[in-house]
N, C-alpha and C. Protein backbone atom coordinates (compact mmCIF):
# COMPACT_ATOMS: atom_id res chain seq x y z
N MET A 1 1.17 9.59 48.61
CA MET A 1 1.79 10.42 49.62
C MET A 1 1.00 11.71 49.73
N MET A 2 0.80 12.13 50.93
CA MET A 2 0.07 13.37 51.21
C MET A 2 0.95 14.56 50.86
N ARG A 3 0.38 15.55 50.23
CA ARG A 3 1.11 16.79 49.92
C ARG A 3 0.63 17.87 50.86
N TRP A 4 1.57 18.59 51.43
CA TRP A 4 1.26 19.61 52.43
C TRP A 4 1.45 20.98 51.82
N PRO A 5 0.76 21.98 52.34
CA PRO A 5 0.97 23.35 51.86
C PRO A 5 2.39 23.81 52.22
N ASP A 6 2.82 24.84 51.55
CA ASP A 6 4.17 25.35 51.79
C ASP A 6 4.17 26.21 53.06
N VAL A 7 4.20 25.53 54.20
CA VAL A 7 4.22 26.19 55.50
C VAL A 7 5.35 25.58 56.32
N PRO A 8 5.78 26.26 57.37
CA PRO A 8 6.83 25.68 58.22
C PRO A 8 6.34 24.40 58.88
N VAL A 9 7.27 23.49 59.09
CA VAL A 9 6.99 22.23 59.76
C VAL A 9 7.86 22.20 61.01
N TYR A 10 7.22 22.07 62.17
CA TYR A 10 7.93 22.04 63.44
C TYR A 10 7.84 20.63 64.01
N LEU A 11 8.98 20.01 64.18
CA LEU A 11 9.05 18.65 64.68
C LEU A 11 9.43 18.67 66.16
N HIS A 12 8.57 18.12 66.97
CA HIS A 12 8.84 17.99 68.41
C HIS A 12 9.70 16.75 68.59
N ARG A 13 10.94 16.91 69.02
CA ARG A 13 11.90 15.80 69.04
C ARG A 13 11.59 14.71 70.06
N GLN A 14 11.10 15.08 71.22
CA GLN A 14 10.85 14.09 72.27
C GLN A 14 9.56 13.32 71.97
N PRO A 15 9.53 12.03 72.31
CA PRO A 15 8.30 11.27 72.10
C PRO A 15 7.16 11.81 72.95
N VAL A 16 5.94 11.66 72.43
CA VAL A 16 4.76 12.10 73.17
C VAL A 16 3.85 10.91 73.43
N ASP A 17 3.01 11.07 74.42
CA ASP A 17 2.00 10.07 74.75
C ASP A 17 0.96 10.08 73.63
N PHE A 18 0.83 8.99 72.91
CA PHE A 18 -0.04 8.97 71.74
C PHE A 18 -1.52 8.85 72.09
N ARG A 19 -1.84 8.86 73.36
CA ARG A 19 -3.25 8.99 73.75
C ARG A 19 -3.70 10.43 73.62
N LYS A 20 -2.74 11.36 73.51
CA LYS A 20 -3.09 12.77 73.33
C LYS A 20 -3.75 12.96 71.96
N SER A 21 -4.77 13.78 71.97
CA SER A 21 -5.45 14.10 70.73
C SER A 21 -5.28 15.59 70.47
N ILE A 22 -6.23 16.20 69.81
CA ILE A 22 -6.10 17.60 69.41
C ILE A 22 -5.88 18.53 70.61
N ASN A 23 -6.68 18.41 71.64
CA ASN A 23 -6.54 19.31 72.80
C ASN A 23 -5.19 19.15 73.48
N GLY A 24 -4.77 17.92 73.71
CA GLY A 24 -3.49 17.68 74.37
C GLY A 24 -2.30 18.13 73.54
N LEU A 25 -2.35 17.87 72.23
CA LEU A 25 -1.24 18.26 71.35
C LEU A 25 -1.20 19.78 71.16
N SER A 26 -2.35 20.42 71.06
CA SER A 26 -2.33 21.89 70.91
C SER A 26 -1.82 22.55 72.19
N ALA A 27 -2.12 21.97 73.35
CA ALA A 27 -1.56 22.48 74.61
C ALA A 27 -0.05 22.27 74.63
N LEU A 28 0.42 21.17 74.11
CA LEU A 28 1.86 20.89 74.03
C LEU A 28 2.56 21.89 73.11
N VAL A 29 1.90 22.24 72.01
CA VAL A 29 2.46 23.26 71.10
C VAL A 29 2.63 24.58 71.85
N GLU A 30 1.63 24.97 72.63
CA GLU A 30 1.71 26.24 73.36
C GLU A 30 2.70 26.18 74.50
N GLN A 31 2.64 25.15 75.31
CA GLN A 31 3.42 25.11 76.54
C GLN A 31 4.85 24.63 76.33
N ALA A 32 5.04 23.50 75.69
CA ALA A 32 6.39 22.93 75.54
C ALA A 32 7.15 23.54 74.37
N MET A 33 6.43 23.84 73.28
CA MET A 33 7.10 24.36 72.10
C MET A 33 7.12 25.88 72.07
N GLY A 34 6.28 26.53 72.88
CA GLY A 34 6.25 27.98 72.94
C GLY A 34 5.73 28.64 71.68
N MET A 35 4.79 27.98 70.99
CA MET A 35 4.26 28.50 69.73
C MET A 35 2.74 28.53 69.79
N SER A 36 2.16 29.22 68.83
CA SER A 36 0.71 29.24 68.72
C SER A 36 0.26 28.13 67.77
N PRO A 37 -0.65 27.28 68.19
CA PRO A 37 -1.12 26.22 67.29
C PRO A 37 -2.05 26.75 66.20
N PHE A 38 -2.42 28.04 66.26
CA PHE A 38 -3.34 28.62 65.30
C PHE A 38 -2.65 29.23 64.09
N GLY A 39 -1.33 29.20 64.06
CA GLY A 39 -0.60 29.77 62.94
C GLY A 39 -0.56 28.83 61.75
N PRO A 40 -0.11 29.34 60.62
CA PRO A 40 0.02 28.50 59.43
C PRO A 40 1.26 27.61 59.53
N ALA A 41 1.12 26.46 60.17
CA ALA A 41 2.26 25.57 60.38
C ALA A 41 1.77 24.15 60.62
N LEU A 42 2.67 23.20 60.42
CA LEU A 42 2.42 21.80 60.76
C LEU A 42 3.25 21.48 61.99
N PHE A 43 2.65 20.79 62.95
CA PHE A 43 3.35 20.39 64.16
C PHE A 43 3.39 18.86 64.18
N VAL A 44 4.60 18.31 64.19
CA VAL A 44 4.79 16.87 64.04
C VAL A 44 5.26 16.27 65.36
N PHE A 45 4.62 15.17 65.75
CA PHE A 45 4.92 14.48 67.01
C PHE A 45 5.14 13.00 66.72
N GLY A 46 6.06 12.40 67.45
CA GLY A 46 6.34 10.98 67.26
C GLY A 46 6.10 10.18 68.52
N ALA A 47 5.75 8.92 68.32
CA ALA A 47 5.57 7.99 69.42
C ALA A 47 6.94 7.49 69.90
N ARG A 48 6.97 6.89 71.05
CA ARG A 48 8.22 6.41 71.63
C ARG A 48 8.93 5.39 70.72
N ARG A 49 8.18 4.49 70.11
CA ARG A 49 8.78 3.46 69.26
C ARG A 49 9.12 3.99 67.86
N ARG A 50 8.73 5.22 67.57
CA ARG A 50 8.99 5.87 66.28
C ARG A 50 8.35 5.14 65.10
N ASP A 51 7.28 4.43 65.37
CA ASP A 51 6.55 3.77 64.28
C ASP A 51 5.25 4.52 63.95
N LYS A 52 4.98 5.61 64.68
CA LYS A 52 3.78 6.41 64.46
C LYS A 52 4.11 7.89 64.56
N ILE A 53 3.42 8.68 63.75
CA ILE A 53 3.52 10.13 63.88
C ILE A 53 2.12 10.72 63.82
N LYS A 54 1.98 11.89 64.45
CA LYS A 54 0.77 12.70 64.35
C LYS A 54 1.19 14.08 63.88
N VAL A 55 0.37 14.65 63.01
CA VAL A 55 0.60 16.00 62.50
C VAL A 55 -0.63 16.83 62.84
N LEU A 56 -0.42 17.91 63.57
CA LEU A 56 -1.50 18.80 63.98
C LEU A 56 -1.38 20.10 63.19
N TYR A 57 -2.52 20.59 62.69
CA TYR A 57 -2.51 21.89 62.03
C TYR A 57 -3.89 22.53 62.10
N TRP A 58 -3.91 23.85 61.98
CA TRP A 58 -5.11 24.65 62.01
C TRP A 58 -5.42 25.06 60.57
N ASP A 59 -6.65 24.84 60.11
CA ASP A 59 -6.98 25.17 58.72
C ASP A 59 -7.95 26.36 58.59
N GLN A 60 -7.93 27.25 59.54
CA GLN A 60 -8.75 28.46 59.60
C GLN A 60 -10.18 28.21 60.06
N THR A 61 -10.62 26.96 60.11
CA THR A 61 -11.97 26.66 60.59
C THR A 61 -11.96 25.68 61.75
N GLY A 62 -10.82 25.05 61.97
CA GLY A 62 -10.70 24.08 63.04
C GLY A 62 -9.39 23.34 62.95
N PHE A 63 -9.11 22.55 63.96
CA PHE A 63 -7.88 21.75 63.97
C PHE A 63 -8.06 20.50 63.13
N CYS A 64 -6.97 20.08 62.52
CA CYS A 64 -6.90 18.81 61.79
C CYS A 64 -5.79 17.98 62.42
N LEU A 65 -6.01 16.69 62.48
CA LEU A 65 -5.01 15.79 63.03
C LEU A 65 -4.82 14.64 62.05
N TRP A 66 -3.59 14.53 61.57
CA TRP A 66 -3.23 13.48 60.61
C TRP A 66 -2.36 12.47 61.35
N TYR A 67 -2.61 11.20 61.09
CA TYR A 67 -1.95 10.13 61.84
C TYR A 67 -1.41 9.11 60.85
N LYS A 68 -0.16 8.68 61.04
CA LYS A 68 0.42 7.65 60.18
C LYS A 68 1.09 6.61 61.06
N ARG A 69 0.81 5.34 60.76
CA ARG A 69 1.42 4.22 61.48
C ARG A 69 2.15 3.36 60.46
N LEU A 70 3.42 3.08 60.73
CA LEU A 70 4.19 2.18 59.88
C LEU A 70 3.97 0.75 60.35
N GLU A 71 3.83 -0.15 59.43
CA GLU A 71 3.56 -1.55 59.78
C GLU A 71 4.82 -2.31 60.17
N LYS A 72 5.96 -2.01 59.53
CA LYS A 72 7.17 -2.77 59.82
C LYS A 72 8.37 -1.90 60.19
N ASP A 73 8.47 -0.74 59.62
CA ASP A 73 9.66 0.09 59.81
C ASP A 73 9.44 1.13 60.89
N ARG A 74 10.44 2.01 61.02
CA ARG A 74 10.37 3.11 61.98
C ARG A 74 10.80 4.39 61.27
N PHE A 75 10.28 5.50 61.75
CA PHE A 75 10.70 6.79 61.22
C PHE A 75 12.12 7.08 61.70
N GLN A 76 12.93 7.66 60.84
CA GLN A 76 14.29 8.05 61.20
C GLN A 76 14.23 9.39 61.91
N TRP A 77 13.98 9.34 63.21
CA TRP A 77 13.79 10.55 64.00
C TRP A 77 15.14 11.18 64.30
N PRO A 78 15.29 12.49 64.15
CA PRO A 78 16.56 13.15 64.43
C PRO A 78 16.89 13.10 65.92
N ARG A 79 17.84 12.28 66.29
CA ARG A 79 18.21 12.10 67.70
C ARG A 79 19.44 12.90 68.09
N THR A 80 20.27 13.26 67.12
CA THR A 80 21.52 13.94 67.46
C THR A 80 21.35 15.45 67.59
N ALA A 81 20.23 15.97 67.17
CA ALA A 81 20.01 17.41 67.30
C ALA A 81 19.83 17.77 68.77
N THR A 82 20.25 18.97 69.12
CA THR A 82 20.17 19.39 70.52
C THR A 82 18.90 20.20 70.80
N GLU A 83 18.27 20.73 69.77
CA GLU A 83 17.07 21.54 69.96
C GLU A 83 15.88 20.65 70.30
N GLU A 84 14.97 21.20 71.10
CA GLU A 84 13.74 20.48 71.44
C GLU A 84 12.79 20.46 70.24
N VAL A 85 12.81 21.54 69.46
CA VAL A 85 11.97 21.66 68.28
C VAL A 85 12.87 21.90 67.07
N ILE A 86 12.63 21.15 66.02
CA ILE A 86 13.41 21.28 64.79
C ILE A 86 12.49 21.80 63.70
N THR A 87 12.93 22.82 62.97
CA THR A 87 12.15 23.35 61.85
C THR A 87 12.57 22.63 60.58
N LEU A 88 11.58 22.10 59.88
CA LEU A 88 11.83 21.39 58.62
C LEU A 88 11.18 22.15 57.47
N ASN A 89 11.76 22.01 56.29
CA ASN A 89 11.06 22.51 55.11
C ASN A 89 10.23 21.36 54.54
N ALA A 90 9.46 21.64 53.51
CA ALA A 90 8.56 20.63 52.95
C ALA A 90 9.33 19.42 52.43
N GLU A 91 10.49 19.65 51.85
CA GLU A 91 11.30 18.55 51.32
C GLU A 91 11.82 17.65 52.45
N GLN A 92 12.31 18.25 53.51
CA GLN A 92 12.79 17.46 54.65
C GLN A 92 11.65 16.67 55.29
N PHE A 93 10.47 17.26 55.38
CA PHE A 93 9.32 16.55 55.93
C PHE A 93 8.96 15.35 55.06
N ASP A 94 9.03 15.54 53.76
CA ASP A 94 8.78 14.43 52.83
C ASP A 94 9.83 13.34 53.04
N TRP A 95 11.08 13.72 53.22
CA TRP A 95 12.14 12.73 53.48
C TRP A 95 11.85 11.95 54.76
N LEU A 96 11.42 12.65 55.81
CA LEU A 96 11.08 11.99 57.07
C LEU A 96 9.98 10.95 56.86
N LEU A 97 8.94 11.35 56.13
CA LEU A 97 7.83 10.43 55.87
C LEU A 97 8.25 9.23 55.03
N ARG A 98 9.27 9.41 54.19
CA ARG A 98 9.77 8.31 53.35
C ARG A 98 10.78 7.42 54.07
N GLY A 99 11.18 7.81 55.28
CA GLY A 99 12.09 6.97 56.06
C GLY A 99 13.55 7.35 55.96
N LEU A 100 13.84 8.53 55.46
CA LEU A 100 15.23 8.97 55.33
C LEU A 100 15.66 9.76 56.57
N ASP A 101 16.94 9.71 56.88
CA ASP A 101 17.49 10.45 58.01
C ASP A 101 17.74 11.88 57.57
N ILE A 102 16.92 12.81 58.03
CA ILE A 102 16.99 14.19 57.55
C ILE A 102 18.25 14.92 57.98
N LEU A 103 18.92 14.46 59.03
CA LEU A 103 20.14 15.13 59.46
C LEU A 103 21.36 14.70 58.65
N LYS A 104 21.27 13.59 57.95
CA LYS A 104 22.40 13.11 57.15
C LYS A 104 22.31 13.52 55.69
N ILE A 105 21.14 13.91 55.24
CA ILE A 105 20.95 14.28 53.84
C ILE A 105 21.17 15.78 53.70
N THR A 106 22.01 16.15 52.76
CA THR A 106 22.22 17.56 52.48
C THR A 106 22.09 17.77 50.97
N PRO A 107 21.14 18.58 50.56
CA PRO A 107 20.97 18.84 49.13
C PRO A 107 22.05 19.79 48.63
N HIS A 108 22.14 19.94 47.32
CA HIS A 108 23.07 20.91 46.74
C HIS A 108 22.68 22.31 47.19
N ALA A 109 23.65 23.14 47.35
CA ALA A 109 23.39 24.52 47.74
C ALA A 109 22.72 25.26 46.58
N ALA A 110 21.79 26.12 46.90
CA ALA A 110 21.11 26.94 45.89
C ALA A 110 22.03 28.09 45.50
N HIS A 111 22.06 28.43 44.22
CA HIS A 111 22.88 29.52 43.72
C HIS A 111 22.00 30.52 42.99
N GLU A 112 22.30 31.77 43.16
CA GLU A 112 21.57 32.83 42.43
C GLU A 112 22.59 33.71 41.73
N TYR A 113 22.28 33.99 40.47
CA TYR A 113 23.19 34.80 39.65
C TYR A 113 22.41 35.97 39.07
N GLY A 114 23.12 37.04 38.80
CA GLY A 114 22.52 38.23 38.20
C GLY A 114 22.37 38.14 36.72
N ASN A 115 23.31 37.44 36.05
CA ASN A 115 23.22 37.28 34.60
C ASN A 115 23.88 35.96 34.19
N ALA A 116 23.70 35.57 32.96
CA ALA A 116 24.17 34.27 32.48
C ALA A 116 25.62 34.29 32.02
N SER A 117 26.21 35.42 31.82
CA SER A 117 27.58 35.45 31.30
C SER A 117 28.62 35.63 32.36
């Protein structure tokens, strides 16, 4: 499994034309998502059949495009969310890549205490 840096992950909910490459996807980030593709972030796009994803990111020297195709299964794409773009943390992105429904999984709440007693 690929490990990603600890950066925000922005998932574009609507399917995209998978003939788009770096130029088309970076334009989509700017125009449809309203973000800069040059920031420290991963931008995730899915195909209509949800059996393929592309991840676009800028690594300070150029764009990188990562592509994954599932042979038998489909990605559990969040369909019930109302936002066009969903922000994921690294753990949720890992869940998506593993085939889990990220909207149904809720981890334990984090707790912070001042002292042990």
